Amino acid sequence: AEKSKVDSKDATLKGTSKTAHKDEAQPEETSAEEKCTAMQKLVVQIKELEGTPSRIDSSTVMAVIQEVPGWVMGLEE
């Protein structure tokens, strides 16, 4: 009986995880306005990094890269 509780808990967590990913998913087409806003935010982040070279480390760069939308990298067409 205890194993089934663990299994159902795992299933619940997996279901929650999938739901969270659906909420985070971008719509298939991104409007030009949304793309412009995303690019402006990205440029601001890059300029902030350039303005404070002492802040630049691998984790900061990774944080900026993770914010780059898939369509910028050519993942969406």
PDB file of N, CA and C in Angstrom:
ATOM      1  N   ALA A   1       0.840  -1.200   0.000  1.00  0.00           N
ATOM      2  CA  ALA A   1       0.000   0.000   0.000  1.00  0.00           C
ATOM      3  C   ALA A   1       0.876   1.251   0.000  1.00  0.00           C
ATOM      4  N   GLU A   2       2.010   1.186   0.704  1.00  0.00           N
ATOM      5  CA  GLU A   2       2.879   2.367   0.765  1.00  0.00           C
ATOM      6  C   GLU A   2       3.496   2.657  -0.601  1.00  0.00           C
ATOM      7  N   LYS A   3       3.848   1.600  -1.339  1.00  0.00           N
ATOM      8  CA  LYS A   3       4.428   1.803  -2.668  1.00  0.00           C
ATOM      9  C   LYS A   3       3.432   2.492  -3.597  1.00  0.00           C
ATOM     10  N   SER A   4       2.159   2.134  -3.510  1.00  0.00           N
ATOM     11  CA  SER A   4       1.173   2.767  -4.387  1.00  0.00           C
ATOM     12  C   SER A   4       1.013   4.240  -4.052  1.00  0.00           C
ATOM     13  N   LYS A   5       1.174   4.608  -2.771  1.00  0.00           N
ATOM     14  CA  LYS A   5       1.126   6.023  -2.394  1.00  0.00           C
ATOM     15  C   LYS A   5       2.273   6.776  -3.054  1.00  0.00           C
ATOM     16  N   VAL A   6       3.453   6.160  -3.048  1.00  0.00           N
ATOM     17  CA  VAL A   6       4.620   6.786  -3.661  1.00  0.00           C
ATOM     18  C   VAL A   6       4.399   6.920  -5.163  1.00  0.00           C
ATOM     19  N   ASP A   7       3.890   5.853  -5.796  1.00  0.00           N
ATOM     20  CA  ASP A   7       3.637   5.894  -7.232  1.00  0.00           C
ATOM     21  C   ASP A   7       2.637   6.985  -7.589  1.00  0.00           C
ATOM     22  N   SER A   8       1.560   7.094  -6.805  1.00  0.00           N
ATOM     23  CA  SER A   8       0.562   8.116  -7.122  1.00  0.00           C
ATOM     24  C   SER A   8       1.126   9.512  -6.886  1.00  0.00           C
ATOM     25  N   LYS A   9       2.000   9.646  -5.880  1.00  0.00           N
ATOM     26  CA  LYS A   9       2.630  10.944  -5.631  1.00  0.00           C
ATOM     27  C   LYS A   9       3.533  11.306  -6.809  1.00  0.00           C
ATOM     28  N   ASP A  10       4.307  10.338  -7.315  1.00  0.00           N
ATOM     29  CA  ASP A  10       5.157  10.580  -8.478  1.00  0.00           C
ATOM     30  C   ASP A  10       4.309  10.967  -9.685  1.00  0.00           C
ATOM     31  N   ALA A  11       3.199  10.282  -9.878  1.00  0.00           N
ATOM     32  CA  ALA A  11       2.328  10.587 -11.009  1.00  0.00           C
ATOM     33  C   ALA A  11       1.769  11.998 -10.884  1.00  0.00           C
ATOM     34  N   THR A  12       1.403  12.378  -9.662  1.00  0.00           N
ATOM     35  CA  THR A  12       0.887  13.729  -9.441  1.00  0.00           C
ATOM     36  C   THR A  12       1.954  14.758  -9.760  1.00  0.00           C
ATOM     37  N   LEU A  13       3.182  14.516  -9.306  1.00  0.00           N
ATOM     38  CA  LEU A  13       4.261  15.454  -9.574  1.00  0.00           C
ATOM     39  C   LEU A  13       4.545  15.543 -11.065  1.00  0.00           C
ATOM     40  N   LYS A  14       4.539  14.406 -11.739  1.00  0.00           N
ATOM     41  CA  LYS A  14       4.790  14.407 -13.180  1.00  0.00           C
ATOM     42  C   LYS A  14       3.695  15.170 -13.905  1.00  0.00           C
ATOM     43  N   GLY A  15       2.452  14.973 -13.492  1.00  0.00           N
ATOM     44  CA  GLY A  15       1.337  15.692 -14.099  1.00  0.00           C
ATOM     45  C   GLY A  15       1.461  17.183 -13.875  1.00  0.00           C
ATOM     46  N   THR A  16       1.869  17.574 -12.685  1.00  0.00           N
ATOM     47  CA  THR A  16       2.049  18.991 -12.369  1.00  0.00           C
ATOM     48  C   THR A  16       3.157  19.570 -13.222  1.00  0.00           C
ATOM     49  N   SER A  17       4.224  18.805 -13.386  1.00  0.00           N
ATOM     50  CA  SER A  17       5.351  19.271 -14.181  1.00  0.00           C
ATOM     51  C   SER A  17       4.930  19.516 -15.625  1.00  0.00           C
ATOM     52  N   LYS A  18       4.162  18.601 -16.184  1.00  0.00           N
ATOM     53  CA  LYS A  18       3.710  18.765 -17.562  1.00  0.00           C
ATOM     54  C   LYS A  18       2.814  19.989 -17.695  1.00  0.00           C
ATOM     55  N   THR A  19       1.944  20.200 -16.720  1.00  0.00           N
ATOM     56  CA  THR A  19       1.060  21.363 -16.753  1.00  0.00           C
ATOM     57  C   THR A  19       1.872  22.640 -16.702  1.00  0.00           C
ATOM     58  N   ALA A  20       2.897  22.663 -15.865  1.00  0.00           N
ATOM     59  CA  ALA A  20       3.731  23.858 -15.745  1.00  0.00           C
ATOM     60  C   ALA A  20       4.397  24.168 -17.077  1.00  0.00           C
ATOM     61  N   HIS A  21       4.851  23.136 -17.783  1.00  0.00           N
ATOM     62  CA  HIS A  21       5.495  23.366 -19.073  1.00  0.00           C
ATOM     63  C   HIS A  21       4.500  23.902 -20.098  1.00  0.00           C
ATOM     64  N   LYS A  22       3.267  23.440 -20.041  1.00  0.00           N
ATOM     65  CA  LYS A  22       2.262  23.939 -20.976  1.00  0.00           C
ATOM     66  C   LYS A  22       2.009  25.417 -20.732  1.00  0.00           C
ATOM     67  N   ASP A  23       1.977  25.826 -19.455  1.00  0.00           N
ATOM     68  CA  ASP A  23       1.757  27.229 -19.126  1.00  0.00           C
ATOM     69  C   ASP A  23       2.901  28.092 -19.625  1.00  0.00           C
ATOM     70  N   GLU A  24       4.119  27.555 -19.599  1.00  0.00           N
ATOM     71  CA  GLU A  24       5.294  28.313 -20.005  1.00  0.00           C
ATOM     72  C   GLU A  24       5.455  28.346 -21.524  1.00  0.00           C
ATOM     73  N   ALA A  25       4.814  27.431 -22.219  1.00  0.00           N
ATOM     74  CA  ALA A  25       4.994  27.322 -23.668  1.00  0.00           C
ATOM     75  C   ALA A  25       4.488  28.577 -24.362  1.00  0.00           C
ATOM     76  N   GLN A  26       5.247  28.997 -25.350  1.00  0.00           N
ATOM     77  CA  GLN A  26       4.873  30.163 -26.143  1.00  0.00           C
ATOM     78  C   GLN A  26       3.839  29.728 -27.172  1.00  0.00           C
ATOM     79  N   PRO A  27       2.949  30.640 -27.568  1.00  0.00           N
ATOM     80  CA  PRO A  27       2.051  30.296 -28.669  1.00  0.00           C
ATOM     81  C   PRO A  27       2.879  30.028 -29.920  1.00  0.00           C
ATOM     82  N   GLU A  28       2.307  29.308 -30.868  1.00  0.00           N
ATOM     83  CA  GLU A  28       3.086  28.914 -32.040  1.00  0.00           C
ATOM     84  C   GLU A  28       3.619  30.109 -32.812  1.00  0.00           C
ATOM     85  N   GLU A  29       2.822  31.162 -32.920  1.00  0.00           N
ATOM     86  CA  GLU A  29       3.288  32.342 -33.634  1.00  0.00           C
ATOM     87  C   GLU A  29       3.417  33.495 -32.653  1.00  0.00           C
ATOM     88  N   THR A  30       4.532  34.178 -32.721  1.00  0.00           N
ATOM     89  CA  THR A  30       4.768  35.328 -31.869  1.00  0.00           C
ATOM     90  C   THR A  30       4.555  36.574 -32.717  1.00  0.00           C
ATOM     91  N   SER A  31       3.761  37.504 -32.184  1.00  0.00           N
ATOM     92  CA  SER A  31       3.477  38.712 -32.960  1.00  0.00           C
ATOM     93  C   SER A  31       4.726  39.578 -33.071  1.00  0.00           C
ATOM     94  N   ALA A  32       4.712  40.466 -34.038  1.00  0.00           N
ATOM     95  CA  ALA A  32       5.845  41.368 -34.250  1.00  0.00           C
ATOM     96  C   ALA A  32       6.056  42.247 -33.022  1.00  0.00           C
ATOM     97  N   GLU A  33       4.970  42.659 -32.385  1.00  0.00           N
ATOM     98  CA  GLU A  33       5.081  43.501 -31.186  1.00  0.00           C
ATOM     99  C   GLU A  33       5.743  42.735 -30.041  1.00  0.00           C
ATOM    100  N   GLU A  34       5.356  41.476 -29.869  1.00  0.00           N
ATOM    101  CA  GLU A  34       5.960  40.648 -28.823  1.00  0.00           C
ATOM    102  C   GLU A  34       7.439  40.410 -29.105  1.00  0.00           C
ATOM    103  N   LYS A  35       7.777  40.195 -30.369  1.00  0.00           N
ATOM    104  CA  LYS A  35       9.178  39.992 -30.742  1.00  0.00           C
ATOM    105  C   LYS A  35       9.987  41.252 -30.468  1.00  0.00           C
ATOM    106  N   CYS A  36       9.423  42.396 -30.798  1.00  0.00           N
ATOM    107  CA  CYS A  36      10.108  43.670 -30.571  1.00  0.00           C
ATOM    108  C   CYS A  36      10.358  43.880 -29.079  1.00  0.00           C
ATOM    109  N   THR A  37       9.346  43.616 -28.265  1.00  0.00           N
ATOM    110  CA  THR A  37       9.477  43.772 -26.816  1.00  0.00           C
ATOM    111  C   THR A  37      10.538  42.825 -26.263  1.00  0.00           C
ATOM    112  N   ALA A  38      10.530  41.577 -26.719  1.00  0.00           N
ATOM    113  CA  ALA A  38      11.510  40.596 -26.253  1.00  0.00           C
ATOM    114  C   ALA A  38      12.923  41.025 -26.622  1.00  0.00           C
ATOM    115  N   MET A  39      13.097  41.526 -27.845  1.00  0.00           N
ATOM    116  CA  MET A  39      14.425  41.966 -28.280  1.00  0.00           C
ATOM    117  C   MET A  39      14.885  43.191 -27.494  1.00  0.00           C
ATOM    118  N   GLN A  40      13.965  44.103 -27.195  1.00  0.00           N
ATOM    119  CA  GLN A  40      14.323  45.282 -26.409  1.00  0.00           C
ATOM    120  C   GLN A  40      14.799  44.875 -25.017  1.00  0.00           C
ATOM    121  N   LYS A  41      14.105  43.918 -24.402  1.00  0.00           N
ATOM    122  CA  LYS A  41      14.512  43.436 -23.076  1.00  0.00           C
ATOM    123  C   LYS A  41      15.896  42.795 -23.144  1.00  0.00           C
ATOM    124  N   LEU A  42      16.131  42.022 -24.193  1.00  0.00           N
ATOM    125  CA  LEU A  42      17.419  41.356 -24.363  1.00  0.00           C
ATOM    126  C   LEU A  42      18.541  42.376 -24.536  1.00  0.00           C
ATOM    127  N   VAL A  43      18.304  43.405 -25.337  1.00  0.00           N
ATOM    128  CA  VAL A  43      19.308  44.456 -25.550  1.00  0.00           C
ATOM    129  C   VAL A  43      19.607  45.174 -24.238  1.00  0.00           C
ATOM    130  N   VAL A  44      18.574  45.456 -23.443  1.00  0.00           N
ATOM    131  CA  VAL A  44      18.779  46.122 -22.149  1.00  0.00           C
ATOM    132  C   VAL A  44      19.649  45.253 -21.244  1.00  0.00           C
ATOM    133  N   GLN A  45      19.365  43.958 -21.191  1.00  0.00           N
ATOM    134  CA  GLN A  45      20.161  43.054 -20.356  1.00  0.00           C
ATOM    135  C   GLN A  45      21.616  43.026 -20.806  1.00  0.00           C
ATOM    136  N   ILE A  46      21.845  42.981 -22.100  1.00  0.00           N
ATOM    137  CA  ILE A  46      23.213  42.940 -22.625  1.00  0.00           C
ATOM    138  C   ILE A  46      23.940  44.243 -22.318  1.00  0.00           C
ATOM    139  N   LYS A  47      23.254  45.371 -22.485  1.00  0.00           N
ATOM    140  CA  LYS A  47      23.875  46.666 -22.185  1.00  0.00           C
ATOM    141  C   LYS A  47      24.216  46.787 -20.703  1.00  0.00           C
ATOM    142  N   GLU A  48      23.359  46.243 -19.835  1.00  0.00           N
ATOM    143  CA  GLU A  48      23.652  46.256 -18.400  1.00  0.00           C
ATOM    144  C   GLU A  48      24.919  45.466 -18.109  1.00  0.00           C
ATOM    145  N   LEU A  49      25.072  44.323 -18.772  1.00  0.00           N
ATOM    146  CA  LEU A  49      26.284  43.519 -18.588  1.00  0.00           C
ATOM    147  C   LEU A  49      27.514  44.269 -19.087  1.00  0.00           C
ATOM    148  N   GLU A  50      27.385  44.909 -20.233  1.00  0.00           N
ATOM    149  CA  GLU A  50      28.515  45.665 -20.782  1.00  0.00           C
ATOM    150  C   GLU A  50      28.894  46.825 -19.873  1.00  0.00           C
ATOM    151  N   GLY A  51      27.911  47.414 -19.219  1.00  0.00           N
ATOM    152  CA  GLY A  51      28.162  48.562 -18.348  1.00  0.00           C
ATOM    153  C   GLY A  51      28.828  48.192 -17.038  1.00  0.00           C
ATOM    154  N   THR A  52      28.726  46.940 -16.657  1.00  0.00           N
ATOM    155  CA  THR A  52      29.333  46.492 -15.400  1.00  0.00           C
ATOM    156  C   THR A  52      30.145  45.227 -15.649  1.00  0.00           C
ATOM    157  N   PRO A  53      31.329  45.374 -16.259  1.00  0.00           N
ATOM    158  CA  PRO A  53      32.150  44.199 -16.580  1.00  0.00           C
ATOM    159  C   PRO A  53      32.482  43.341 -15.358  1.00  0.00           C
ATOM    160  N   SER A  54      32.547  43.950 -14.191  1.00  0.00           N
ATOM    161  CA  SER A  54      32.877  43.177 -12.992  1.00  0.00           C
ATOM    162  C   SER A  54      31.760  42.198 -12.632  1.00  0.00           C
ATOM    163  N   ARG A  55      30.549  42.439 -13.134  1.00  0.00           N
ATOM    164  CA  ARG A  55      29.412  41.561 -12.850  1.00  0.00           C
ATOM    165  C   ARG A  55      29.357  40.361 -13.782  1.00  0.00           C
ATOM    166  N   ILE A  56      30.106  40.398 -14.845  1.00  0.00           N
ATOM    167  CA  ILE A  56      30.000  39.334 -15.841  1.00  0.00           C
ATOM    168  C   ILE A  56      30.704  38.078 -15.336  1.00  0.00           C
ATOM    169  N   ASP A  57      29.904  37.036 -15.165  1.00  0.00           N
ATOM    170  CA  ASP A  57      30.438  35.714 -14.852  1.00  0.00           C
ATOM    171  C   ASP A  57      29.570  34.700 -15.599  1.00  0.00           C
ATOM    172  N   SER A  58      29.951  33.458 -15.543  1.00  0.00           N
ATOM    173  CA  SER A  58      29.246  32.458 -16.352  1.00  0.00           C
ATOM    174  C   SER A  58      27.776  32.331 -15.973  1.00  0.00           C
ATOM    175  N   SER A  59      27.450  32.443 -14.691  1.00  0.00           N
ATOM    176  CA  SER A  59      26.047  32.295 -14.297  1.00  0.00           C
ATOM    177  C   SER A  59      25.200  33.466 -14.788  1.00  0.00           C
ATOM    178  N   THR A  60      25.767  34.662 -14.806  1.00  0.00           N
ATOM    179  CA  THR A  60      25.039  35.831 -15.303  1.00  0.00           C
ATOM    180  C   THR A  60      24.795  35.700 -16.799  1.00  0.00           C
ATOM    181  N   VAL A  61      25.811  35.273 -17.524  1.00  0.00           N
ATOM    182  CA  VAL A  61      25.676  35.091 -18.970  1.00  0.00           C
ATOM    183  C   VAL A  61      24.649  33.997 -19.264  1.00  0.00           C
ATOM    184  N   MET A  62      24.701  32.905 -18.514  1.00  0.00           N
ATOM    185  CA  MET A  62      23.734  31.820 -18.704  1.00  0.00           C
ATOM    186  C   MET A  62      22.315  32.304 -18.439  1.00  0.00           C
ATOM    187  N   ALA A  63      22.129  33.147 -17.432  1.00  0.00           N
ATOM    188  CA  ALA A  63      20.802  33.680 -17.125  1.00  0.00           C
ATOM    189  C   ALA A  63      20.265  34.490 -18.298  1.00  0.00           C
ATOM    190  N   VAL A  64      21.118  35.284 -18.924  1.00  0.00           N
ATOM    191  CA  VAL A  64      20.700  36.077 -20.086  1.00  0.00           C
ATOM    192  C   VAL A  64      20.379  35.147 -21.255  1.00  0.00           C
ATOM    193  N   ILE A  65      21.217  34.157 -21.490  1.00  0.00           N
ATOM    194  CA  ILE A  65      21.007  33.225 -22.602  1.00  0.00           C
ATOM    195  C   ILE A  65      19.700  32.459 -22.428  1.00  0.00           C
ATOM    196  N   GLN A  66      19.378  32.085 -21.209  1.00  0.00           N
ATOM    197  CA  GLN A  66      18.144  31.340 -20.963  1.00  0.00           C
ATOM    198  C   GLN A  66      16.902  32.182 -21.239  1.00  0.00           C
ATOM    199  N   GLU A  67      17.040  33.489 -21.204  1.00  0.00           N
ATOM    200  CA  GLU A  67      15.917  34.381 -21.481  1.00  0.00           C
ATOM    201  C   GLU A  67      15.694  34.599 -22.978  1.00  0.00           C
ATOM    202  N   VAL A  68      16.639  34.163 -23.798  1.00  0.00           N
ATOM    203  CA  VAL A  68      16.523  34.362 -25.245  1.00  0.00           C
ATOM    204  C   VAL A  68      15.423  33.439 -25.780  1.00  0.00           C
ATOM    205  N   PRO A  69      14.413  34.008 -26.443  1.00  0.00           N
ATOM    206  CA  PRO A  69      13.327  33.183 -26.985  1.00  0.00           C
ATOM    207  C   PRO A  69      13.829  32.236 -28.073  1.00  0.00           C
ATOM    208  N   GLY A  70      13.152  31.117 -28.236  1.00  0.00           N
ATOM    209  CA  GLY A  70      13.537  30.127 -29.231  1.00  0.00           C
ATOM    210  C   GLY A  70      13.547  30.666 -30.646  1.00  0.00           C
ATOM    211  N   TRP A  71      12.622  31.574 -30.968  1.00  0.00           N
ATOM    212  CA  TRP A  71      12.557  32.103 -32.332  1.00  0.00           C
ATOM    213  C   TRP A  71      13.787  32.927 -32.678  1.00  0.00           C
ATOM    214  N   VAL A  72      14.468  33.490 -31.676  1.00  0.00           N
ATOM    215  CA  VAL A  72      15.698  34.249 -31.934  1.00  0.00           C
ATOM    216  C   VAL A  72      16.797  33.295 -32.385  1.00  0.00           C
ATOM    217  N   MET A  73      16.809  32.119 -31.797  1.00  0.00           N
ATOM    218  CA  MET A  73      17.835  31.129 -32.109  1.00  0.00           C
ATOM    219  C   MET A  73      17.490  30.313 -33.352  1.00  0.00           C
ATOM    220  N   GLY A  74      16.348  30.603 -33.966  1.00  0.00           N
ATOM    221  CA  GLY A  74      15.944  29.880 -35.164  1.00  0.00           C
ATOM    222  C   GLY A  74      15.250  28.570 -34.874  1.00  0.00           C
ATOM    223  N   LEU A  75      14.805  28.356 -33.626  1.00  0.00           N
ATOM    224  CA  LEU A  75      14.130  27.117 -33.276  1.00  0.00           C
ATOM    225  C   LEU A  75      12.697  27.100 -33.788  1.00  0.00           C
ATOM    226  N   GLU A  76      12.098  28.272 -33.942  1.00  0.00           N
ATOM    227  CA  GLU A  76      10.744  28.385 -34.478  1.00  0.00           C
ATOM    228  C   GLU A  76      10.831  29.042 -35.837  1.00  0.00           C
ATOM    229  N   GLU A  77      10.032  28.570 -36.744  1.00  0.00           N
ATOM    230  CA  GLU A  77      10.045  29.181 -38.081  1.00  0.00           C
ATOM    231  C   GLU A  77       8.668  29.637 -38.460  1.00  0.00           C
TER     232      GLU A  77
END
